[in-house]
Amino acid sequence: MVEREGSGSDTDAALKIRSAGRQARDEGKPMTACPHPADTQARYQWVSGWMQPSATAPEDAS
């Protein structure tokens, strides 16, 4: 199997886009605020990040 040249940078870019989606959600922005065109891999990554659960568990109310 031949590894694609530059595949590491593709992964880094996807992670940055996901992080941007998660940050937008944390800032209270709606999913429709995605800046990427419909039917693109970037939009898929951004929405996936937006939908990810928070990194920290919610505080216990008791």
PDB file of N, CA and C in Angstrom:
ATOM      1  N   MET A   1       0.845  -1.182   0.000  1.00  0.00           N
ATOM      2  CA  MET A   1       0.000   0.000   0.000  1.00  0.00           C
ATOM      3  C   MET A   1       0.884   1.236   0.000  1.00  0.00           C
ATOM      4  N   VAL A   2       0.592   2.166  -0.861  1.00  0.00           N
ATOM      5  CA  VAL A   2       1.366   3.393  -0.971  1.00  0.00           C
ATOM      6  C   VAL A   2       0.650   4.486  -0.208  1.00  0.00           C
ATOM      7  N   GLU A   3       1.409   5.153   0.686  1.00  0.00           N
ATOM      8  CA  GLU A   3       0.817   6.243   1.455  1.00  0.00           C
ATOM      9  C   GLU A   3       0.812   7.503   0.605  1.00  0.00           C
ATOM     10  N   ARG A   4      -0.291   8.202   0.633  1.00  0.00           N
ATOM     11  CA  ARG A   4      -0.430   9.427  -0.146  1.00  0.00           C
ATOM     12  C   ARG A   4       0.444  10.524   0.446  1.00  0.00           C
ATOM     13  N   GLU A   5       1.156  11.234  -0.387  1.00  0.00           N
ATOM     14  CA  GLU A   5       2.000  12.319   0.063  1.00  0.00           C
ATOM     15  C   GLU A   5       1.127  13.457   0.587  1.00  0.00           C
ATOM     16  N   GLY A   6       1.500  13.988   1.742  1.00  0.00           N
ATOM     17  CA  GLY A   6       0.752  15.107   2.303  1.00  0.00           C
ATOM     18  C   GLY A   6      -0.483  14.691   3.079  1.00  0.00           C
ATOM     19  N   SER A   7      -0.686  13.393   3.308  1.00  0.00           N
ATOM     20  CA  SER A   7      -1.893  12.950   3.995  1.00  0.00           C
ATOM     21  C   SER A   7      -1.946  13.461   5.425  1.00  0.00           C
ATOM     22  N   GLY A   8      -0.782  13.698   6.049  1.00  0.00           N
ATOM     23  CA  GLY A   8      -0.761  14.248   7.399  1.00  0.00           C
ATOM     24  C   GLY A   8      -1.357  15.640   7.443  1.00  0.00           C
ATOM     25  N   SER A   9      -1.089  16.440   6.430  1.00  0.00           N
ATOM     26  CA  SER A   9      -1.644  17.787   6.398  1.00  0.00           C
ATOM     27  C   SER A   9      -3.149  17.758   6.166  1.00  0.00           C
ATOM     28  N   ASP A  10      -3.647  16.747   5.429  1.00  0.00           N
ATOM     29  CA  ASP A  10      -5.088  16.590   5.246  1.00  0.00           C
ATOM     30  C   ASP A  10      -5.761  16.319   6.582  1.00  0.00           C
ATOM     31  N   THR A  11      -5.132  15.466   7.390  1.00  0.00           N
ATOM     32  CA  THR A  11      -5.668  15.136   8.705  1.00  0.00           C
ATOM     33  C   THR A  11      -5.652  16.365   9.598  1.00  0.00           C
ATOM     34  N   ASP A  12      -4.569  17.120   9.575  1.00  0.00           N
ATOM     35  CA  ASP A  12      -4.478  18.341  10.376  1.00  0.00           C
ATOM     36  C   ASP A  12      -5.560  19.331   9.984  1.00  0.00           C
ATOM     37  N   ALA A  13      -5.789  19.483   8.697  1.00  0.00           N
ATOM     38  CA  ALA A  13      -6.820  20.410   8.219  1.00  0.00           C
ATOM     39  C   ALA A  13      -8.200  19.959   8.673  1.00  0.00           C
ATOM     40  N   ALA A  14      -8.472  18.657   8.597  1.00  0.00           N
ATOM     41  CA  ALA A  14      -9.771  18.131   9.032  1.00  0.00           C
ATOM     42  C   ALA A  14      -9.970  18.378  10.525  1.00  0.00           C
ATOM     43  N   LEU A  15      -8.923  18.170  11.315  1.00  0.00           N
ATOM     44  CA  LEU A  15      -9.029  18.394  12.763  1.00  0.00           C
ATOM     45  C   LEU A  15      -9.275  19.867  13.081  1.00  0.00           C
ATOM     46  N   LYS A  16      -8.639  20.754  12.338  1.00  0.00           N
ATOM     47  CA  LYS A  16      -8.850  22.192  12.555  1.00  0.00           C
ATOM     48  C   LYS A  16     -10.288  22.585  12.210  1.00  0.00           C
ATOM     49  N   ILE A  17     -10.818  22.025  11.136  1.00  0.00           N
ATOM     50  CA  ILE A  17     -12.191  22.333  10.733  1.00  0.00           C
ATOM     51  C   ILE A  17     -13.171  21.794  11.771  1.00  0.00           C
ATOM     52  N   ARG A  18     -12.925  20.579  12.260  1.00  0.00           N
ATOM     53  CA  ARG A  18     -13.775  20.005  13.315  1.00  0.00           C
ATOM     54  C   ARG A  18     -13.741  20.857  14.569  1.00  0.00           C
ATOM     55  N   SER A  19     -12.540  21.291  14.941  1.00  0.00           N
ATOM     56  CA  SER A  19     -12.395  22.140  16.131  1.00  0.00           C
ATOM     57  C   SER A  19     -13.153  23.447  15.965  1.00  0.00           C
ATOM     58  N   ALA A  20     -13.129  24.004  14.767  1.00  0.00           N
ATOM     59  CA  ALA A  20     -13.869  25.241  14.503  1.00  0.00           C
ATOM     60  C   ALA A  20     -15.367  25.019  14.661  1.00  0.00           C
ATOM     61  N   GLY A  21     -15.864  23.883  14.220  1.00  0.00           N
ATOM     62  CA  GLY A  21     -17.282  23.560  14.387  1.00  0.00           C
ATOM     63  C   GLY A  21     -17.653  23.414  15.851  1.00  0.00           C
ATOM     64  N   ARG A  22     -16.807  22.730  16.604  1.00  0.00           N
ATOM     65  CA  ARG A  22     -17.058  22.545  18.037  1.00  0.00           C
ATOM     66  C   ARG A  22     -17.031  23.889  18.763  1.00  0.00           C
ATOM     67  N   GLN A  23     -16.080  24.743  18.396  1.00  0.00           N
ATOM     68  CA  GLN A  23     -15.976  26.067  19.011  1.00  0.00           C
ATOM     69  C   GLN A  23     -17.210  26.913  18.682  1.00  0.00           C
ATOM     70  N   ALA A  24     -17.685  26.831  17.459  1.00  0.00           N
ATOM     71  CA  ALA A  24     -18.885  27.580  17.067  1.00  0.00           C
ATOM     72  C   ALA A  24     -20.079  27.153  17.919  1.00  0.00           C
ATOM     73  N   ARG A  25     -20.223  25.834  18.114  1.00  0.00           N
ATOM     74  CA  ARG A  25     -21.316  25.332  18.955  1.00  0.00           C
ATOM     75  C   ARG A  25     -21.183  25.849  20.382  1.00  0.00           C
ATOM     76  N   ASP A  26     -19.964  25.809  20.926  1.00  0.00           N
ATOM     77  CA  ASP A  26     -19.721  26.279  22.289  1.00  0.00           C
ATOM     78  C   ASP A  26     -20.021  27.765  22.433  1.00  0.00           C
ATOM     79  N   GLU A  27     -19.879  28.516  21.346  1.00  0.00           N
ATOM     80  CA  GLU A  27     -20.182  29.951  21.340  1.00  0.00           C
ATOM     81  C   GLU A  27     -21.659  30.224  21.113  1.00  0.00           C
ATOM     82  N   GLY A  28     -22.448  29.159  20.939  1.00  0.00           N
ATOM     83  CA  GLY A  28     -23.888  29.305  20.768  1.00  0.00           C
ATOM     84  C   GLY A  28     -24.340  29.548  19.343  1.00  0.00           C
ATOM     85  N   LYS A  29     -23.446  29.344  18.383  1.00  0.00           N
ATOM     86  CA  LYS A  29     -23.812  29.538  16.980  1.00  0.00           C
ATOM     87  C   LYS A  29     -24.586  28.322  16.474  1.00  0.00           C
ATOM     88  N   PRO A  30     -25.564  28.531  15.604  1.00  0.00           N
ATOM     89  CA  PRO A  30     -26.332  27.401  15.065  1.00  0.00           C
ATOM     90  C   PRO A  30     -25.516  26.628  14.033  1.00  0.00           C
ATOM     91  N   MET A  31     -25.939  25.402  13.768  1.00  0.00           N
ATOM     92  CA  MET A  31     -25.258  24.578  12.776  1.00  0.00           C
ATOM     93  C   MET A  31     -25.277  25.253  11.403  1.00  0.00           C
ATOM     94  N   THR A  32     -26.285  26.059  11.145  1.00  0.00           N
ATOM     95  CA  THR A  32     -26.392  26.732   9.851  1.00  0.00           C
ATOM     96  C   THR A  32     -25.322  27.812   9.669  1.00  0.00           C
ATOM     97  N   ALA A  33     -24.542  28.084  10.701  1.00  0.00           N
ATOM     98  CA  ALA A  33     -23.465  29.074  10.606  1.00  0.00           C
ATOM     99  C   ALA A  33     -22.219  28.514   9.923  1.00  0.00           C
ATOM    100  N   CYS A  34     -22.273  27.268   9.491  1.00  0.00           N
ATOM    101  CA  CYS A  34     -21.122  26.643   8.847  1.00  0.00           C
ATOM    102  C   CYS A  34     -20.700  27.459   7.623  1.00  0.00           C
ATOM    103  N   PRO A  35     -19.417  27.836   7.561  1.00  0.00           N
ATOM    104  CA  PRO A  35     -18.947  28.665   6.442  1.00  0.00           C
ATOM    105  C   PRO A  35     -18.591  27.890   5.180  1.00  0.00           C
ATOM    106  N   HIS A  36     -18.678  26.569   5.223  1.00  0.00           N
ATOM    107  CA  HIS A  36     -18.259  25.742   4.088  1.00  0.00           C
ATOM    108  C   HIS A  36     -19.442  25.392   3.184  1.00  0.00           C
ATOM    109  N   PRO A  37     -19.209  25.295   1.877  1.00  0.00           N
ATOM    110  CA  PRO A  37     -20.286  24.978   0.928  1.00  0.00           C
ATOM    111  C   PRO A  37     -20.897  23.597   1.192  1.00  0.00           C
ATOM    112  N   ALA A  38     -22.164  23.473   0.844  1.00  0.00           N
ATOM    113  CA  ALA A  38     -22.865  22.193   0.992  1.00  0.00           C
ATOM    114  C   ALA A  38     -22.184  21.115   0.161  1.00  0.00           C
ATOM    115  N   ASP A  39     -22.328  19.890   0.600  1.00  0.00           N
ATOM    116  CA  ASP A  39     -21.806  18.720  -0.116  1.00  0.00           C
ATOM    117  C   ASP A  39     -20.290  18.731  -0.292  1.00  0.00           C
ATOM    118  N   THR A  40     -19.570  19.266   0.710  1.00  0.00           N
ATOM    119  CA  THR A  40     -18.108  19.223   0.680  1.00  0.00           C
ATOM    120  C   THR A  40     -17.612  18.480   1.909  1.00  0.00           C
ATOM    121  N   GLN A  41     -16.408  17.966   1.817  1.00  0.00           N
ATOM    122  CA  GLN A  41     -15.798  17.276   2.957  1.00  0.00           C
ATOM    123  C   GLN A  41     -15.590  18.251   4.115  1.00  0.00           C
ATOM    124  N   ALA A  42     -15.256  19.505   3.805  1.00  0.00           N
ATOM    125  CA  ALA A  42     -15.049  20.498   4.855  1.00  0.00           C
ATOM    126  C   ALA A  42     -16.334  20.726   5.650  1.00  0.00           C
ATOM    127  N   ARG A  43     -17.463  20.785   4.963  1.00  0.00           N
ATOM    128  CA  ARG A  43     -18.740  20.974   5.668  1.00  0.00           C
ATOM    129  C   ARG A  43     -19.036  19.761   6.551  1.00  0.00           C
ATOM    130  N   TYR A  44     -18.787  18.571   6.030  1.00  0.00           N
ATOM    131  CA  TYR A  44     -18.992  17.354   6.814  1.00  0.00           C
ATOM    132  C   TYR A  44     -18.154  17.397   8.094  1.00  0.00           C
ATOM    133  N   GLN A  45     -16.896  17.782   7.978  1.00  0.00           N
ATOM    134  CA  GLN A  45     -16.011  17.852   9.139  1.00  0.00           C
ATOM    135  C   GLN A  45     -16.489  18.908  10.132  1.00  0.00           C
ATOM    136  N   TRP A  46     -16.885  20.066   9.649  1.00  0.00           N
ATOM    137  CA  TRP A  46     -17.335  21.162  10.517  1.00  0.00           C
ATOM    138  C   TRP A  46     -18.582  20.740  11.297  1.00  0.00           C
ATOM    139  N   VAL A  47     -19.556  20.156  10.586  1.00  0.00           N
ATOM    140  CA  VAL A  47     -20.802  19.718  11.233  1.00  0.00           C
ATOM    141  C   VAL A  47     -20.510  18.587  12.219  1.00  0.00           C
ATOM    142  N   SER A  48     -19.588  17.689  11.868  1.00  0.00           N
ATOM    143  CA  SER A  48     -19.210  16.619  12.790  1.00  0.00           C
ATOM    144  C   SER A  48     -18.641  17.196  14.079  1.00  0.00           C
ATOM    145  N   GLY A  49     -17.815  18.217  13.958  1.00  0.00           N
ATOM    146  CA  GLY A  49     -17.272  18.880  15.142  1.00  0.00           C
ATOM    147  C   GLY A  49     -18.359  19.566  15.934  1.00  0.00           C
ATOM    148  N   TRP A  50     -19.285  20.208  15.236  1.00  0.00           N
ATOM    149  CA  TRP A  50     -20.389  20.906  15.910  1.00  0.00           C
ATOM    150  C   TRP A  50     -21.232  19.929  16.717  1.00  0.00           C
ATOM    151  N   MET A  51     -21.380  18.704  16.217  1.00  0.00           N
ATOM    152  CA  MET A  51     -22.235  17.713  16.863  1.00  0.00           C
ATOM    153  C   MET A  51     -21.515  16.911  17.949  1.00  0.00           C
ATOM    154  N   GLN A  52     -20.195  17.011  18.053  1.00  0.00           N
ATOM    155  CA  GLN A  52     -19.456  16.251  19.057  1.00  0.00           C
ATOM    156  C   GLN A  52     -19.867  16.668  20.460  1.00  0.00           C
ATOM    157  N   PRO A  53     -19.895  15.714  21.385  1.00  0.00           N
ATOM    158  CA  PRO A  53     -20.193  16.087  22.768  1.00  0.00           C
ATOM    159  C   PRO A  53     -19.063  16.940  23.340  1.00  0.00           C
ATOM    160  N   SER A  54     -19.377  17.717  24.348  1.00  0.00           N
ATOM    161  CA  SER A  54     -18.374  18.568  24.987  1.00  0.00           C
ATOM    162  C   SER A  54     -17.256  17.712  25.570  1.00  0.00           C
ATOM    163  N   ALA A  55     -16.076  18.288  25.629  1.00  0.00           N
ATOM    164  CA  ALA A  55     -14.915  17.570  26.149  1.00  0.00           C
ATOM    165  C   ALA A  55     -15.029  17.353  27.656  1.00  0.00           C
ATOM    166  N   THR A  56     -15.753  18.205  28.340  1.00  0.00           N
ATOM    167  CA  THR A  56     -15.900  18.063  29.793  1.00  0.00           C
ATOM    168  C   THR A  56     -17.330  17.681  30.116  1.00  0.00           C
ATOM    169  N   ALA A  57     -17.484  16.914  31.163  1.00  0.00           N
ATOM    170  CA  ALA A  57     -18.815  16.497  31.595  1.00  0.00           C
ATOM    171  C   ALA A  57     -19.514  17.669  32.271  1.00  0.00           C
ATOM    172  N   PRO A  58     -20.830  17.768  32.122  1.00  0.00           N
ATOM    173  CA  PRO A  58     -21.554  18.846  32.795  1.00  0.00           C
ATOM    174  C   PRO A  58     -21.447  18.703  34.311  1.00  0.00           C
ATOM    175  N   GLU A  59     -21.493  19.814  35.004  1.00  0.00           N
ATOM    176  CA  GLU A  59     -21.401  19.803  36.464  1.00  0.00           C
ATOM    177  C   GLU A  59     -22.622  19.110  37.072  1.00  0.00           C
ATOM    178  N   ASP A  60     -22.399  18.401  38.137  1.00  0.00           N
ATOM    179  CA  ASP A  60     -23.483  17.731  38.853  1.00  0.00           C
ATOM    180  C   ASP A  60     -24.286  18.779  39.609  1.00  0.00           C
ATOM    181  N   ALA A  61     -25.584  18.791  39.424  1.00  0.00           N
ATOM    182  CA  ALA A  61     -26.436  19.813  40.028  1.00  0.00           C
ATOM    183  C   ALA A  61     -26.684  19.600  41.516  1.00  0.00           C
ATOM    184  N   SER A  62     -26.336  18.444  42.047  1.00  0.00           N
ATOM    185  CA  SER A  62     -26.645  18.186  43.459  1.00  0.00           C
ATOM    186  C   SER A  62     -25.665  18.767  44.424  1.00  0.00           C
TER     187      SER A  62
END
